[in-house]
């Protein structure tokens, strides 16, 4: 029984990781939410993409805040290599 529960928990965690990390490459959109080191953007297609911004490891250009348009290079683990503000909301 314990093995089954652990297996289910592992599968859920893996699926959640894929949902977050399944966005490798360039992500562009408007920042809609910032929770700790996690940033969520809404793309022009209406998709919500969440990625990790490491305070020490991610190169940042501009002030990342809700409402700005950003472009980010995200690896297959869901971590941003760099994030650049491409347009501020006026």
N, C-alpha and C. Protein backbone atom coordinates (compact mmCIF):
# COMPACT_ATOMS: atom_id res chain seq x y z
N UNK A 1 0.82 -1.19 0.00
CA UNK A 1 0.00 0.00 0.00
C UNK A 1 0.87 1.26 0.00
N UNK A 2 1.93 1.25 0.84
CA UNK A 2 2.82 2.41 0.89
C UNK A 2 3.50 2.64 -0.46
N UNK A 3 3.90 1.55 -1.11
CA UNK A 3 4.56 1.69 -2.41
C UNK A 3 3.61 2.30 -3.43
N UNK A 4 2.35 1.92 -3.38
CA UNK A 4 1.36 2.46 -4.32
C UNK A 4 1.17 3.96 -4.08
N UNK A 5 1.06 4.37 -2.83
CA UNK A 5 0.88 5.79 -2.49
C UNK A 5 2.10 6.58 -2.91
N UNK A 6 3.28 6.04 -2.62
CA UNK A 6 4.52 6.72 -3.02
C UNK A 6 4.59 6.82 -4.54
N UNK A 7 4.19 5.77 -5.24
CA UNK A 7 4.19 5.80 -6.70
C UNK A 7 3.24 6.85 -7.25
N UNK A 8 2.06 6.96 -6.65
CA UNK A 8 1.09 7.97 -7.09
C UNK A 8 1.63 9.37 -6.83
N UNK A 9 2.19 9.59 -5.65
CA UNK A 9 2.77 10.90 -5.34
C UNK A 9 3.89 11.24 -6.31
N UNK A 10 4.76 10.28 -6.59
CA UNK A 10 5.87 10.50 -7.53
C UNK A 10 5.34 10.84 -8.92
N UNK A 11 4.30 10.14 -9.36
CA UNK A 11 3.73 10.41 -10.68
C UNK A 11 3.13 11.81 -10.74
N UNK A 12 2.43 12.21 -9.69
CA UNK A 12 1.84 13.55 -9.66
C UNK A 12 2.93 14.61 -9.66
N UNK A 13 3.97 14.40 -8.87
CA UNK A 13 5.07 15.36 -8.83
C UNK A 13 5.77 15.44 -10.17
N UNK A 14 5.96 14.31 -10.82
CA UNK A 14 6.61 14.29 -12.12
C UNK A 14 5.75 15.01 -13.16
N UNK A 15 4.44 14.76 -13.14
CA UNK A 15 3.53 15.42 -14.08
C UNK A 15 3.53 16.93 -13.85
N UNK A 16 3.50 17.36 -12.60
CA UNK A 16 3.54 18.78 -12.28
C UNK A 16 4.84 19.40 -12.76
N UNK A 17 5.94 18.69 -12.56
CA UNK A 17 7.23 19.18 -13.04
C UNK A 17 7.26 19.32 -14.54
N UNK A 18 6.65 18.38 -15.25
CA UNK A 18 6.58 18.45 -16.71
C UNK A 18 5.71 19.62 -17.13
N UNK A 19 4.63 19.87 -16.42
CA UNK A 19 3.75 20.98 -16.76
C UNK A 19 4.48 22.31 -16.63
N UNK A 20 5.30 22.43 -15.61
CA UNK A 20 6.07 23.67 -15.44
C UNK A 20 7.28 23.67 -16.36
N UNK A 21 8.00 22.56 -16.39
CA UNK A 21 9.25 22.51 -17.13
C UNK A 21 9.04 22.26 -18.62
N UNK A 22 7.83 21.94 -19.03
CA UNK A 22 7.59 21.59 -20.42
C UNK A 22 7.55 22.76 -21.37
N UNK A 23 8.29 23.82 -21.09
CA UNK A 23 8.27 25.01 -21.93
C UNK A 23 9.68 25.44 -22.32
N UNK A 24 10.55 24.52 -22.72
CA UNK A 24 11.89 24.95 -23.05
C UNK A 24 11.91 25.87 -24.25
N UNK A 25 12.89 26.74 -24.27
CA UNK A 25 13.04 27.68 -25.37
C UNK A 25 12.65 29.08 -24.95
N UNK A 26 12.25 29.88 -25.92
CA UNK A 26 11.91 31.27 -25.65
C UNK A 26 10.44 31.40 -25.27
N UNK A 27 10.19 32.08 -24.17
CA UNK A 27 8.84 32.36 -23.70
C UNK A 27 8.67 33.87 -23.65
N UNK A 28 7.64 34.37 -24.30
CA UNK A 28 7.37 35.81 -24.31
C UNK A 28 5.93 36.05 -23.92
N UNK A 29 5.73 37.05 -23.05
CA UNK A 29 4.37 37.37 -22.64
C UNK A 29 4.35 38.40 -21.53
N UNK A 30 3.13 38.68 -21.05
CA UNK A 30 2.94 39.66 -19.98
C UNK A 30 3.00 38.95 -18.63
N UNK A 31 3.78 39.51 -17.71
CA UNK A 31 3.87 38.95 -16.37
C UNK A 31 2.54 39.15 -15.66
N UNK A 32 1.94 38.04 -15.22
CA UNK A 32 0.65 38.10 -14.54
C UNK A 32 0.76 37.77 -13.06
N UNK A 33 1.83 37.08 -12.68
CA UNK A 33 1.97 36.68 -11.28
C UNK A 33 3.44 36.42 -10.95
N UNK A 34 3.82 36.82 -9.76
CA UNK A 34 5.16 36.52 -9.24
C UNK A 34 4.96 35.96 -7.83
N UNK A 35 5.38 34.71 -7.65
CA UNK A 35 5.30 34.06 -6.34
C UNK A 35 6.70 33.60 -5.98
N UNK A 36 7.35 34.33 -5.11
CA UNK A 36 8.73 33.98 -4.75
C UNK A 36 9.62 34.08 -5.97
N UNK A 37 10.22 32.96 -6.36
CA UNK A 37 11.11 32.92 -7.51
C UNK A 37 10.42 32.43 -8.78
N UNK A 38 9.10 32.18 -8.70
CA UNK A 38 8.34 31.69 -9.85
C UNK A 38 7.61 32.85 -10.52
N UNK A 39 7.76 32.95 -11.83
CA UNK A 39 7.12 34.00 -12.62
C UNK A 39 6.16 33.36 -13.61
N UNK A 40 4.94 33.88 -13.69
CA UNK A 40 3.95 33.39 -14.64
C UNK A 40 3.68 34.49 -15.66
N UNK A 41 3.71 34.10 -16.94
CA UNK A 41 3.41 35.04 -18.01
C UNK A 41 2.25 34.51 -18.84
N UNK A 42 1.50 35.43 -19.43
CA UNK A 42 0.43 35.08 -20.36
C UNK A 42 0.94 35.40 -21.76
N UNK A 43 1.02 34.38 -22.60
CA UNK A 43 1.53 34.56 -23.95
C UNK A 43 0.46 35.21 -24.84
N UNK A 44 0.85 35.61 -26.03
CA UNK A 44 -0.10 36.21 -26.97
C UNK A 44 -1.17 35.21 -27.40
N UNK A 45 -0.88 33.91 -27.27
CA UNK A 45 -1.86 32.87 -27.59
C UNK A 45 -2.83 32.62 -26.43
N UNK A 46 -2.58 33.27 -25.29
CA UNK A 46 -3.44 33.11 -24.12
C UNK A 46 -3.00 32.02 -23.17
N UNK A 47 -1.88 31.36 -23.47
CA UNK A 47 -1.36 30.30 -22.59
C UNK A 47 -0.66 30.93 -21.39
N UNK A 48 -0.75 30.25 -20.25
CA UNK A 48 -0.05 30.67 -19.05
C UNK A 48 1.20 29.80 -18.92
N UNK A 49 2.35 30.44 -18.82
CA UNK A 49 3.63 29.72 -18.68
C UNK A 49 4.30 30.19 -17.40
N UNK A 50 4.77 29.24 -16.60
CA UNK A 50 5.45 29.54 -15.34
C UNK A 50 6.87 29.03 -15.40
N UNK A 51 7.82 29.85 -14.94
CA UNK A 51 9.22 29.43 -14.91
C UNK A 51 9.90 30.00 -13.68
N UNK A 52 11.04 29.41 -13.35
CA UNK A 52 11.82 29.78 -12.17
C UNK A 52 12.87 30.82 -12.54
N UNK A 53 12.95 31.88 -11.73
CA UNK A 53 13.98 32.90 -11.89
C UNK A 53 14.88 32.84 -10.66
N UNK A 54 16.09 32.36 -10.85
CA UNK A 54 17.05 32.24 -9.75
C UNK A 54 17.67 33.61 -9.49
N UNK A 55 17.59 34.13 -8.25
CA UNK A 55 18.14 35.46 -7.97
C UNK A 55 19.62 35.58 -8.28
N UNK A 56 20.36 34.47 -8.18
CA UNK A 56 21.80 34.52 -8.43
C UNK A 56 22.18 34.00 -9.80
N UNK A 57 21.43 33.04 -10.34
CA UNK A 57 21.84 32.38 -11.58
C UNK A 57 21.18 32.87 -12.86
N UNK A 58 20.05 33.57 -12.75
CA UNK A 58 19.34 34.04 -13.94
C UNK A 58 19.77 35.46 -14.26
N UNK A 59 20.19 35.67 -15.50
CA UNK A 59 20.55 37.02 -15.93
C UNK A 59 19.25 37.80 -16.17
N UNK A 60 19.15 38.99 -15.56
CA UNK A 60 17.93 39.79 -15.68
C UNK A 60 18.26 41.15 -16.28
N UNK A 61 17.42 41.56 -17.24
CA UNK A 61 17.54 42.89 -17.84
C UNK A 61 16.23 43.61 -17.63
N UNK A 62 16.24 44.64 -16.79
CA UNK A 62 15.03 45.39 -16.50
C UNK A 62 14.36 44.89 -15.23
N UNK A 63 13.36 45.63 -14.78
CA UNK A 63 12.63 45.30 -13.55
C UNK A 63 11.46 44.38 -13.90
N UNK A 64 11.52 43.16 -13.40
CA UNK A 64 10.47 42.17 -13.65
C UNK A 64 9.37 42.40 -12.63
N UNK A 65 8.20 42.82 -13.11
CA UNK A 65 7.06 43.06 -12.24
C UNK A 65 5.78 42.78 -13.01
N UNK A 66 4.69 42.66 -12.29
CA UNK A 66 3.40 42.37 -12.92
C UNK A 66 3.04 43.47 -13.91
N UNK A 67 2.61 43.04 -15.10
CA UNK A 67 2.16 43.98 -16.12
C UNK A 67 3.17 44.26 -17.22
N UNK A 68 4.46 43.90 -17.01
CA UNK A 68 5.45 44.16 -18.05
C UNK A 68 5.52 42.97 -19.01
N UNK A 69 5.94 43.24 -20.23
CA UNK A 69 6.17 42.20 -21.22
C UNK A 69 7.61 41.73 -21.07
N UNK A 70 7.80 40.42 -21.00
CA UNK A 70 9.14 39.87 -20.88
C UNK A 70 9.38 38.81 -21.94
N UNK A 71 10.64 38.57 -22.20
CA UNK A 71 11.08 37.46 -23.02
C UNK A 71 12.08 36.70 -22.17
N UNK A 72 11.96 35.37 -22.14
CA UNK A 72 12.83 34.55 -21.30
C UNK A 72 13.30 33.32 -22.05
N UNK A 73 14.54 32.93 -21.80
CA UNK A 73 15.07 31.68 -22.31
C UNK A 73 14.95 30.67 -21.18
N UNK A 74 14.10 29.65 -21.38
CA UNK A 74 13.79 28.69 -20.33
C UNK A 74 14.31 27.31 -20.73
N UNK A 75 15.02 26.64 -19.79
CA UNK A 75 15.53 25.31 -20.10
C UNK A 75 14.46 24.24 -19.84
N UNK A 76 14.78 23.00 -20.13
CA UNK A 76 13.81 21.92 -20.01
C UNK A 76 13.44 21.58 -18.57
N UNK A 77 14.12 22.15 -17.61
CA UNK A 77 13.80 21.95 -16.19
C UNK A 77 12.90 23.08 -15.66
N UNK A 78 12.59 24.08 -16.52
CA UNK A 78 11.73 25.17 -16.11
C UNK A 78 12.45 26.35 -15.49
N UNK A 79 13.78 26.37 -15.61
CA UNK A 79 14.58 27.46 -15.07
C UNK A 79 14.93 28.45 -16.18
N UNK A 80 14.78 29.74 -15.89
CA UNK A 80 15.13 30.77 -16.88
C UNK A 80 16.63 31.01 -16.85
N UNK A 81 17.27 30.93 -18.01
CA UNK A 81 18.68 31.30 -18.13
C UNK A 81 18.81 32.82 -18.11
N UNK A 82 17.88 33.48 -18.80
CA UNK A 82 17.81 34.94 -18.79
C UNK A 82 16.38 35.39 -18.97
N UNK A 83 16.09 36.57 -18.44
CA UNK A 83 14.77 37.20 -18.60
C UNK A 83 15.03 38.66 -18.92
N UNK A 84 14.36 39.15 -19.97
CA UNK A 84 14.55 40.53 -20.39
C UNK A 84 13.19 41.21 -20.51
N UNK A 85 13.07 42.40 -19.88
CA UNK A 85 11.84 43.18 -20.03
C UNK A 85 11.89 43.79 -21.43
N UNK A 86 10.85 43.51 -22.23
CA UNK A 86 10.83 44.02 -23.60
C UNK A 86 9.89 45.20 -23.76
N UNK A 87 8.98 45.39 -22.79
CA UNK A 87 8.07 46.55 -22.87
C UNK A 87 7.44 46.77 -21.50
N UNK A 88 7.54 47.99 -21.01
CA UNK A 88 6.89 48.36 -19.77
C UNK A 88 5.48 48.83 -20.04
N UNK A 89 4.58 48.53 -19.13
CA UNK A 89 3.22 49.03 -19.21
C UNK A 89 3.22 50.50 -18.82
N UNK A 90 2.57 51.34 -19.60
CA UNK A 90 2.56 52.77 -19.28
C UNK A 90 1.32 53.18 -18.58
